[in-house]
Amino acid sequence: MPRRLPIKAERVVGNLFIILVFGTLVYVYFASVCVVLGPRIASGTSNGIQEITLAFYHFFLMMLLWSLVQTIF
């Protein structure tokens, strides 16, 4: 039976940090898109600036996530 390597603290802390970063990004996304910009756009009270802001926000969010995944791997 092969011997298992012990779990290293650095690996656990690193994985927890990655989960914390992704959780923070999910929270910021929910707060900014679902709570602030989403209802304004859905109700029709936006003046066009919110749609442009939302498009830029999604573009930069995708670039951030792509960079983060590239850094992790």
N, C-alpha and C. Protein backbone atom coordinates (compact mmCIF):
# COMPACT_ATOMS: atom_id res chain seq x y z
N MET A 1 0.84 -1.17 0.00
CA MET A 1 0.00 0.00 0.00
C MET A 1 0.89 1.24 0.00
N PRO A 2 0.71 2.15 -0.97
CA PRO A 2 1.58 3.33 -1.03
C PRO A 2 1.32 4.28 0.14
N ARG A 3 2.38 4.90 0.54
CA ARG A 3 2.29 5.84 1.66
C ARG A 3 1.78 7.19 1.15
N ARG A 4 0.81 7.77 1.84
CA ARG A 4 0.27 9.06 1.45
C ARG A 4 1.13 10.17 2.02
N LEU A 5 1.28 11.21 1.25
CA LEU A 5 2.02 12.38 1.72
C LEU A 5 1.14 13.18 2.66
N PRO A 6 1.73 13.77 3.68
CA PRO A 6 0.91 14.59 4.59
C PRO A 6 0.43 15.86 3.90
N ILE A 7 -0.69 16.35 4.36
CA ILE A 7 -1.23 17.59 3.82
C ILE A 7 -0.39 18.75 4.34
N LYS A 8 0.09 19.57 3.43
CA LYS A 8 0.94 20.69 3.82
C LYS A 8 0.09 21.93 4.08
N ALA A 9 0.47 22.68 5.09
CA ALA A 9 -0.27 23.88 5.48
C ALA A 9 -0.25 24.92 4.37
N GLU A 10 0.85 25.02 3.63
CA GLU A 10 0.95 26.01 2.55
C GLU A 10 -0.11 25.76 1.47
N ARG A 11 -0.34 24.49 1.18
CA ARG A 11 -1.32 24.15 0.15
C ARG A 11 -2.74 24.48 0.62
N VAL A 12 -3.04 24.20 1.87
CA VAL A 12 -4.37 24.48 2.42
C VAL A 12 -4.61 25.98 2.45
N VAL A 13 -3.62 26.74 2.93
CA VAL A 13 -3.77 28.20 3.00
C VAL A 13 -3.89 28.79 1.61
N GLY A 14 -3.13 28.27 0.66
CA GLY A 14 -3.22 28.76 -0.72
C GLY A 14 -4.59 28.52 -1.31
N ASN A 15 -5.14 27.32 -1.09
CA ASN A 15 -6.49 27.03 -1.60
C ASN A 15 -7.55 27.89 -0.93
N LEU A 16 -7.41 28.12 0.37
CA LEU A 16 -8.36 28.99 1.06
C LEU A 16 -8.29 30.42 0.54
N PHE A 17 -7.09 30.88 0.20
CA PHE A 17 -6.94 32.22 -0.35
C PHE A 17 -7.63 32.33 -1.71
N ILE A 18 -7.49 31.31 -2.54
CA ILE A 18 -8.14 31.31 -3.85
C ILE A 18 -9.65 31.34 -3.68
N ILE A 19 -10.17 30.55 -2.75
CA ILE A 19 -11.60 30.54 -2.49
C ILE A 19 -12.06 31.91 -1.98
N LEU A 20 -11.27 32.53 -1.13
CA LEU A 20 -11.59 33.86 -0.61
C LEU A 20 -11.63 34.89 -1.73
N VAL A 21 -10.69 34.84 -2.64
CA VAL A 21 -10.66 35.80 -3.76
C VAL A 21 -11.87 35.61 -4.66
N PHE A 22 -12.17 34.37 -5.02
CA PHE A 22 -13.34 34.12 -5.86
C PHE A 22 -14.64 34.51 -5.14
N GLY A 23 -14.72 34.24 -3.85
CA GLY A 23 -15.89 34.63 -3.08
C GLY A 23 -16.08 36.14 -3.04
N THR A 24 -14.97 36.86 -2.89
CA THR A 24 -15.03 38.32 -2.90
C THR A 24 -15.49 38.84 -4.25
N LEU A 25 -15.01 38.24 -5.33
CA LEU A 25 -15.43 38.65 -6.66
C LEU A 25 -16.92 38.38 -6.88
N VAL A 26 -17.40 37.26 -6.39
CA VAL A 26 -18.83 36.95 -6.51
C VAL A 26 -19.66 37.95 -5.73
N TYR A 27 -19.20 38.30 -4.52
CA TYR A 27 -19.93 39.27 -3.70
C TYR A 27 -19.97 40.64 -4.36
N VAL A 28 -18.84 41.09 -4.88
CA VAL A 28 -18.79 42.40 -5.54
C VAL A 28 -19.66 42.40 -6.78
N TYR A 29 -19.63 41.31 -7.55
CA TYR A 29 -20.48 41.21 -8.74
C TYR A 29 -21.95 41.29 -8.36
N PHE A 30 -22.34 40.51 -7.36
CA PHE A 30 -23.75 40.51 -6.94
C PHE A 30 -24.17 41.88 -6.45
N ALA A 31 -23.32 42.53 -5.66
CA ALA A 31 -23.67 43.83 -5.10
C ALA A 31 -23.78 44.89 -6.18
N SER A 32 -22.89 44.87 -7.15
CA SER A 32 -22.90 45.94 -8.14
C SER A 32 -23.88 45.69 -9.28
N VAL A 33 -24.01 44.45 -9.72
CA VAL A 33 -24.87 44.18 -10.87
C VAL A 33 -26.29 43.85 -10.44
N CYS A 34 -26.45 42.92 -9.53
CA CYS A 34 -27.79 42.46 -9.17
C CYS A 34 -28.54 43.42 -8.26
N VAL A 35 -27.83 44.21 -7.46
CA VAL A 35 -28.50 45.09 -6.51
C VAL A 35 -28.58 46.52 -7.03
N VAL A 36 -27.52 47.01 -7.66
CA VAL A 36 -27.49 48.42 -8.05
C VAL A 36 -27.90 48.62 -9.51
N LEU A 37 -27.17 48.04 -10.44
CA LEU A 37 -27.43 48.34 -11.86
C LEU A 37 -28.59 47.55 -12.44
N GLY A 38 -28.75 46.29 -12.03
CA GLY A 38 -29.80 45.45 -12.60
C GLY A 38 -31.20 46.01 -12.47
N PRO A 39 -31.62 46.39 -11.26
CA PRO A 39 -32.98 46.94 -11.12
C PRO A 39 -33.21 48.23 -11.89
N ARG A 40 -32.18 49.07 -12.01
CA ARG A 40 -32.35 50.31 -12.78
C ARG A 40 -32.57 50.02 -14.25
N ILE A 41 -31.82 49.07 -14.77
CA ILE A 41 -31.97 48.73 -16.19
C ILE A 41 -33.30 48.02 -16.42
N ALA A 42 -33.67 47.12 -15.53
CA ALA A 42 -34.93 46.37 -15.69
C ALA A 42 -36.16 47.26 -15.56
N SER A 43 -36.08 48.30 -14.74
CA SER A 43 -37.24 49.17 -14.56
C SER A 43 -37.38 50.19 -15.68
N GLY A 44 -36.36 50.34 -16.49
CA GLY A 44 -36.43 51.28 -17.59
C GLY A 44 -36.08 52.71 -17.21
N THR A 45 -35.54 52.91 -16.02
CA THR A 45 -35.19 54.27 -15.60
C THR A 45 -33.74 54.63 -15.92
N SER A 46 -33.05 53.75 -16.66
CA SER A 46 -31.65 54.06 -16.99
C SER A 46 -31.60 55.01 -18.18
N ASN A 47 -30.50 55.73 -18.29
CA ASN A 47 -30.36 56.71 -19.37
C ASN A 47 -29.34 56.29 -20.41
N GLY A 48 -28.95 55.04 -20.43
CA GLY A 48 -27.98 54.56 -21.40
C GLY A 48 -26.59 54.43 -20.82
N ILE A 49 -26.28 55.25 -19.85
CA ILE A 49 -24.96 55.20 -19.22
C ILE A 49 -24.81 53.89 -18.43
N GLN A 50 -25.89 53.43 -17.80
CA GLN A 50 -25.83 52.19 -17.03
C GLN A 50 -25.53 50.98 -17.91
N GLU A 51 -26.10 50.95 -19.11
CA GLU A 51 -25.82 49.83 -20.02
C GLU A 51 -24.37 49.82 -20.46
N ILE A 52 -23.82 50.99 -20.74
CA ILE A 52 -22.42 51.09 -21.13
C ILE A 52 -21.52 50.70 -19.97
N THR A 53 -21.87 51.18 -18.78
CA THR A 53 -21.10 50.83 -17.58
C THR A 53 -21.15 49.32 -17.34
N LEU A 54 -22.30 48.73 -17.52
CA LEU A 54 -22.45 47.29 -17.32
C LEU A 54 -21.63 46.50 -18.35
N ALA A 55 -21.61 46.95 -19.58
CA ALA A 55 -20.81 46.28 -20.61
C ALA A 55 -19.32 46.35 -20.28
N PHE A 56 -18.84 47.53 -19.88
CA PHE A 56 -17.43 47.66 -19.50
C PHE A 56 -17.12 46.84 -18.26
N TYR A 57 -18.05 46.83 -17.31
CA TYR A 57 -17.85 46.06 -16.09
C TYR A 57 -17.68 44.57 -16.40
N HIS A 58 -18.55 44.04 -17.26
CA HIS A 58 -18.44 42.63 -17.62
C HIS A 58 -17.17 42.33 -18.39
N PHE A 59 -16.77 43.23 -19.27
CA PHE A 59 -15.53 43.02 -20.01
C PHE A 59 -14.34 42.96 -19.06
N PHE A 60 -14.24 43.93 -18.17
CA PHE A 60 -13.11 43.94 -17.24
C PHE A 60 -13.18 42.80 -16.23
N LEU A 61 -14.38 42.38 -15.86
CA LEU A 61 -14.52 41.23 -14.96
C LEU A 61 -14.02 39.96 -15.64
N MET A 62 -14.37 39.76 -16.89
CA MET A 62 -13.89 38.59 -17.61
C MET A 62 -12.36 38.62 -17.77
N MET A 63 -11.81 39.78 -18.03
CA MET A 63 -10.36 39.89 -18.13
C MET A 63 -9.69 39.60 -16.78
N LEU A 64 -10.30 40.06 -15.69
CA LEU A 64 -9.77 39.80 -14.36
C LEU A 64 -9.81 38.31 -14.04
N LEU A 65 -10.94 37.66 -14.34
CA LEU A 65 -11.05 36.23 -14.07
C LEU A 65 -10.09 35.43 -14.93
N TRP A 66 -9.93 35.81 -16.19
CA TRP A 66 -8.98 35.12 -17.06
C TRP A 66 -7.55 35.26 -16.51
N SER A 67 -7.17 36.44 -16.09
CA SER A 67 -5.84 36.66 -15.53
C SER A 67 -5.65 35.87 -14.25
N LEU A 68 -6.68 35.84 -13.41
CA LEU A 68 -6.59 35.10 -12.15
C LEU A 68 -6.41 33.61 -12.40
N VAL A 69 -7.17 33.06 -13.32
CA VAL A 69 -7.05 31.63 -13.63
C VAL A 69 -5.69 31.33 -14.23
N GLN A 70 -5.20 32.20 -15.10
CA GLN A 70 -3.87 32.01 -15.68
C GLN A 70 -2.79 32.05 -14.59
N THR A 71 -2.95 32.92 -13.62
CA THR A 71 -1.99 33.03 -12.52
C THR A 71 -2.03 31.79 -11.64
N ILE A 72 -3.22 31.27 -11.39
CA ILE A 72 -3.34 30.09 -10.53
C ILE A 72 -2.70 28.88 -11.19
N PHE A 73 -2.95 28.69 -12.49
CA PHE A 73 -2.40 27.52 -13.16
C PHE A 73 -1.04 27.79 -13.74
